[in-house]
């Protein structure tokens, strides 16, 4: 869930060039969907991948989601 039912924050997405750009994200069922019009063929997503991140993604018990990345670079 998102804190305050606001759009999810602190998501970035990259294509094969691995240049990350800010991305919108939303919850659909039990999944977070991260689409991008500027990255038509995404290969990686990062969440809260910054020392200054103040994300608003929480689990059903109100605990904040941990930062994560789907790439290994």
N, C-alpha and C. Protein backbone atom coordinates (compact mmCIF):
# COMPACT_ATOMS: atom_id res chain seq x y z
N UNK A 1 0.83 -1.18 0.00
CA UNK A 1 0.00 0.00 0.00
C UNK A 1 0.88 1.24 0.00
N UNK A 2 0.31 2.34 -0.39
CA UNK A 2 1.08 3.58 -0.37
C UNK A 2 0.61 4.45 0.79
N UNK A 3 1.56 5.09 1.43
CA UNK A 3 1.24 5.97 2.54
C UNK A 3 0.39 7.12 2.00
N UNK A 4 -0.73 7.38 2.63
CA UNK A 4 -1.60 8.45 2.22
C UNK A 4 -2.31 8.21 0.90
N UNK A 5 -2.26 6.96 0.42
CA UNK A 5 -2.86 6.59 -0.87
C UNK A 5 -2.36 7.47 -2.01
N UNK A 6 -1.12 7.93 -1.89
CA UNK A 6 -0.48 8.74 -2.92
C UNK A 6 0.17 7.83 -3.96
N UNK A 7 0.49 8.35 -5.15
CA UNK A 7 1.24 7.54 -6.13
C UNK A 7 2.56 7.07 -5.51
N UNK A 8 2.99 5.88 -5.86
CA UNK A 8 4.24 5.36 -5.31
C UNK A 8 5.41 6.22 -5.75
N UNK A 9 6.39 6.32 -4.89
CA UNK A 9 7.54 7.19 -5.16
C UNK A 9 8.85 6.41 -5.12
N UNK A 10 9.88 7.03 -5.66
CA UNK A 10 11.26 6.53 -5.63
C UNK A 10 11.50 5.27 -6.45
N UNK A 11 10.80 5.13 -7.57
CA UNK A 11 11.06 4.04 -8.50
C UNK A 11 11.81 4.59 -9.71
N UNK A 12 12.78 3.83 -10.18
CA UNK A 12 13.48 4.15 -11.42
C UNK A 12 13.51 2.90 -12.29
N UNK A 13 13.69 3.11 -13.59
CA UNK A 13 13.65 2.00 -14.54
C UNK A 13 14.70 2.24 -15.61
N UNK A 14 15.25 1.16 -16.17
CA UNK A 14 16.27 1.28 -17.20
C UNK A 14 16.08 0.23 -18.28
N UNK A 15 16.52 0.58 -19.48
CA UNK A 15 16.58 -0.36 -20.59
C UNK A 15 17.95 -1.01 -20.63
N UNK A 16 18.29 -1.63 -21.74
CA UNK A 16 19.57 -2.35 -21.83
C UNK A 16 20.78 -1.43 -21.71
N UNK A 17 20.58 -0.11 -21.93
CA UNK A 17 21.69 0.84 -21.76
C UNK A 17 22.00 1.11 -20.28
N UNK A 18 21.14 0.64 -19.39
CA UNK A 18 21.27 0.77 -17.93
C UNK A 18 21.30 2.23 -17.47
N UNK A 19 20.65 3.11 -18.22
CA UNK A 19 20.49 4.51 -17.80
C UNK A 19 19.13 4.61 -17.11
N UNK A 20 19.17 4.78 -15.81
CA UNK A 20 17.95 4.80 -15.01
C UNK A 20 17.26 6.15 -15.09
N UNK A 21 15.94 6.10 -15.24
CA UNK A 21 15.11 7.30 -15.26
C UNK A 21 13.99 7.12 -14.25
N UNK A 22 13.49 8.23 -13.75
CA UNK A 22 12.37 8.18 -12.82
C UNK A 22 11.17 7.53 -13.49
N UNK A 23 10.49 6.70 -12.74
CA UNK A 23 9.34 5.97 -13.29
C UNK A 23 8.15 6.08 -12.36
N UNK A 24 6.98 6.07 -12.95
CA UNK A 24 5.77 6.00 -12.12
C UNK A 24 5.57 4.53 -11.77
N UNK A 25 4.89 4.30 -10.68
CA UNK A 25 4.62 2.93 -10.25
C UNK A 25 3.27 2.91 -9.56
N UNK A 26 2.60 1.78 -9.65
CA UNK A 26 1.31 1.65 -9.00
C UNK A 26 1.11 0.21 -8.57
N UNK A 27 0.20 0.03 -7.64
CA UNK A 27 -0.10 -1.30 -7.11
C UNK A 27 -1.30 -1.86 -7.85
N UNK A 28 -1.14 -3.10 -8.30
CA UNK A 28 -2.23 -3.82 -8.96
C UNK A 28 -2.32 -5.18 -8.30
N UNK A 29 -3.33 -5.36 -7.48
CA UNK A 29 -3.45 -6.62 -6.72
C UNK A 29 -2.33 -6.70 -5.70
N UNK A 30 -1.49 -7.73 -5.80
CA UNK A 30 -0.36 -7.88 -4.88
C UNK A 30 0.97 -7.59 -5.57
N UNK A 31 0.94 -6.86 -6.69
CA UNK A 31 2.15 -6.55 -7.45
C UNK A 31 2.33 -5.05 -7.62
N UNK A 32 3.57 -4.64 -7.73
CA UNK A 32 3.88 -3.26 -8.08
C UNK A 32 4.21 -3.25 -9.57
N UNK A 33 3.51 -2.43 -10.32
CA UNK A 33 3.70 -2.30 -11.76
C UNK A 33 4.49 -1.02 -12.01
N UNK A 34 5.54 -1.14 -12.83
CA UNK A 34 6.41 0.01 -13.12
C UNK A 34 6.52 0.16 -14.64
N UNK A 35 5.56 0.84 -15.25
CA UNK A 35 5.61 1.06 -16.70
C UNK A 35 6.43 2.31 -17.02
N UNK A 36 6.82 2.43 -18.28
CA UNK A 36 7.53 3.64 -18.71
C UNK A 36 7.34 3.86 -20.20
N UNK A 37 6.96 5.07 -20.55
CA UNK A 37 6.85 5.42 -21.97
C UNK A 37 8.22 5.70 -22.57
N UNK A 38 9.18 6.11 -21.73
CA UNK A 38 10.53 6.44 -22.23
C UNK A 38 11.45 5.23 -22.29
N UNK A 39 11.06 4.14 -21.64
CA UNK A 39 11.86 2.90 -21.65
C UNK A 39 10.95 1.79 -22.16
N UNK A 40 10.87 1.61 -23.49
CA UNK A 40 9.93 0.64 -24.05
C UNK A 40 10.27 -0.82 -23.76
N UNK A 41 11.54 -1.12 -23.53
CA UNK A 41 11.95 -2.50 -23.24
C UNK A 41 12.77 -2.52 -21.95
N UNK A 42 12.12 -2.38 -20.80
CA UNK A 42 12.85 -2.32 -19.53
C UNK A 42 13.55 -3.62 -19.19
N UNK A 43 14.71 -3.48 -18.54
CA UNK A 43 15.45 -4.66 -18.08
C UNK A 43 15.74 -4.60 -16.59
N UNK A 44 15.53 -3.43 -15.96
CA UNK A 44 15.84 -3.32 -14.53
C UNK A 44 14.99 -2.23 -13.88
N UNK A 45 14.69 -2.46 -12.61
CA UNK A 45 13.96 -1.49 -11.78
C UNK A 45 14.71 -1.34 -10.47
N UNK A 46 14.72 -0.13 -9.96
CA UNK A 46 15.27 0.11 -8.63
C UNK A 46 14.22 0.87 -7.81
N UNK A 47 14.18 0.55 -6.52
CA UNK A 47 13.26 1.21 -5.61
C UNK A 47 14.04 1.79 -4.44
N UNK A 48 13.85 3.08 -4.19
CA UNK A 48 14.46 3.77 -3.04
C UNK A 48 15.98 3.62 -3.05
N UNK A 49 16.57 3.67 -4.24
CA UNK A 49 18.00 3.44 -4.40
C UNK A 49 18.76 4.76 -4.26
N UNK A 50 18.62 5.39 -3.10
CA UNK A 50 19.26 6.67 -2.81
C UNK A 50 19.35 6.86 -1.31
N UNK A 51 20.40 7.54 -0.86
CA UNK A 51 20.54 7.81 0.57
C UNK A 51 19.49 8.79 1.08
N UNK A 52 18.90 9.57 0.20
CA UNK A 52 17.91 10.56 0.62
C UNK A 52 16.47 10.10 0.38
N UNK A 53 16.29 8.88 -0.06
CA UNK A 53 14.95 8.36 -0.39
C UNK A 53 14.03 8.40 0.83
N UNK A 54 12.80 8.81 0.57
CA UNK A 54 11.75 8.79 1.57
C UNK A 54 10.51 8.18 0.90
N UNK A 55 10.59 6.88 0.60
CA UNK A 55 9.52 6.24 -0.17
C UNK A 55 8.24 6.07 0.62
N UNK A 56 7.16 5.81 -0.12
CA UNK A 56 5.85 5.67 0.52
C UNK A 56 5.22 4.30 0.27
N UNK A 57 6.03 3.29 0.01
CA UNK A 57 5.52 1.92 -0.18
C UNK A 57 5.62 1.15 1.13
N UNK A 58 4.48 0.64 1.58
CA UNK A 58 4.41 -0.07 2.85
C UNK A 58 3.65 -1.38 2.68
N UNK A 59 3.90 -2.34 3.58
CA UNK A 59 3.13 -3.58 3.54
C UNK A 59 1.81 -3.39 4.29
N UNK A 60 0.98 -4.41 4.32
CA UNK A 60 -0.34 -4.29 4.93
C UNK A 60 -0.28 -4.05 6.43
N UNK A 61 0.87 -4.35 7.07
CA UNK A 61 1.03 -4.11 8.50
C UNK A 61 1.59 -2.72 8.80
N UNK A 62 1.82 -1.93 7.74
CA UNK A 62 2.32 -0.57 7.92
C UNK A 62 3.83 -0.46 8.00
N UNK A 63 4.54 -1.55 7.68
CA UNK A 63 6.00 -1.51 7.70
C UNK A 63 6.51 -1.07 6.32
N UNK A 64 7.54 -0.22 6.30
CA UNK A 64 8.05 0.27 5.01
C UNK A 64 8.77 -0.83 4.22
N UNK A 65 8.63 -0.73 2.90
CA UNK A 65 9.35 -1.66 2.03
C UNK A 65 10.83 -1.29 2.03
N UNK A 66 11.68 -2.29 1.92
CA UNK A 66 13.13 -2.06 1.87
C UNK A 66 13.54 -1.68 0.45
N UNK A 67 14.59 -0.89 0.33
CA UNK A 67 15.11 -0.60 -1.01
C UNK A 67 15.49 -1.90 -1.72
N UNK A 68 15.32 -1.93 -3.04
CA UNK A 68 15.72 -3.10 -3.80
C UNK A 68 16.09 -2.71 -5.22
N UNK A 69 16.74 -3.64 -5.88
CA UNK A 69 17.09 -3.48 -7.29
C UNK A 69 16.96 -4.82 -7.97
N UNK A 70 16.63 -4.80 -9.25
CA UNK A 70 16.51 -6.06 -9.99
C UNK A 70 17.72 -6.31 -10.87
N UNK A 71 18.66 -5.36 -10.89
CA UNK A 71 19.89 -5.53 -11.66
C UNK A 71 21.03 -5.87 -10.70
N UNK A 72 22.18 -6.18 -11.24
CA UNK A 72 23.32 -6.50 -10.38
C UNK A 72 24.54 -5.63 -10.71
N UNK A 73 24.31 -4.46 -11.25
CA UNK A 73 25.43 -3.58 -11.62
C UNK A 73 25.58 -2.47 -10.60
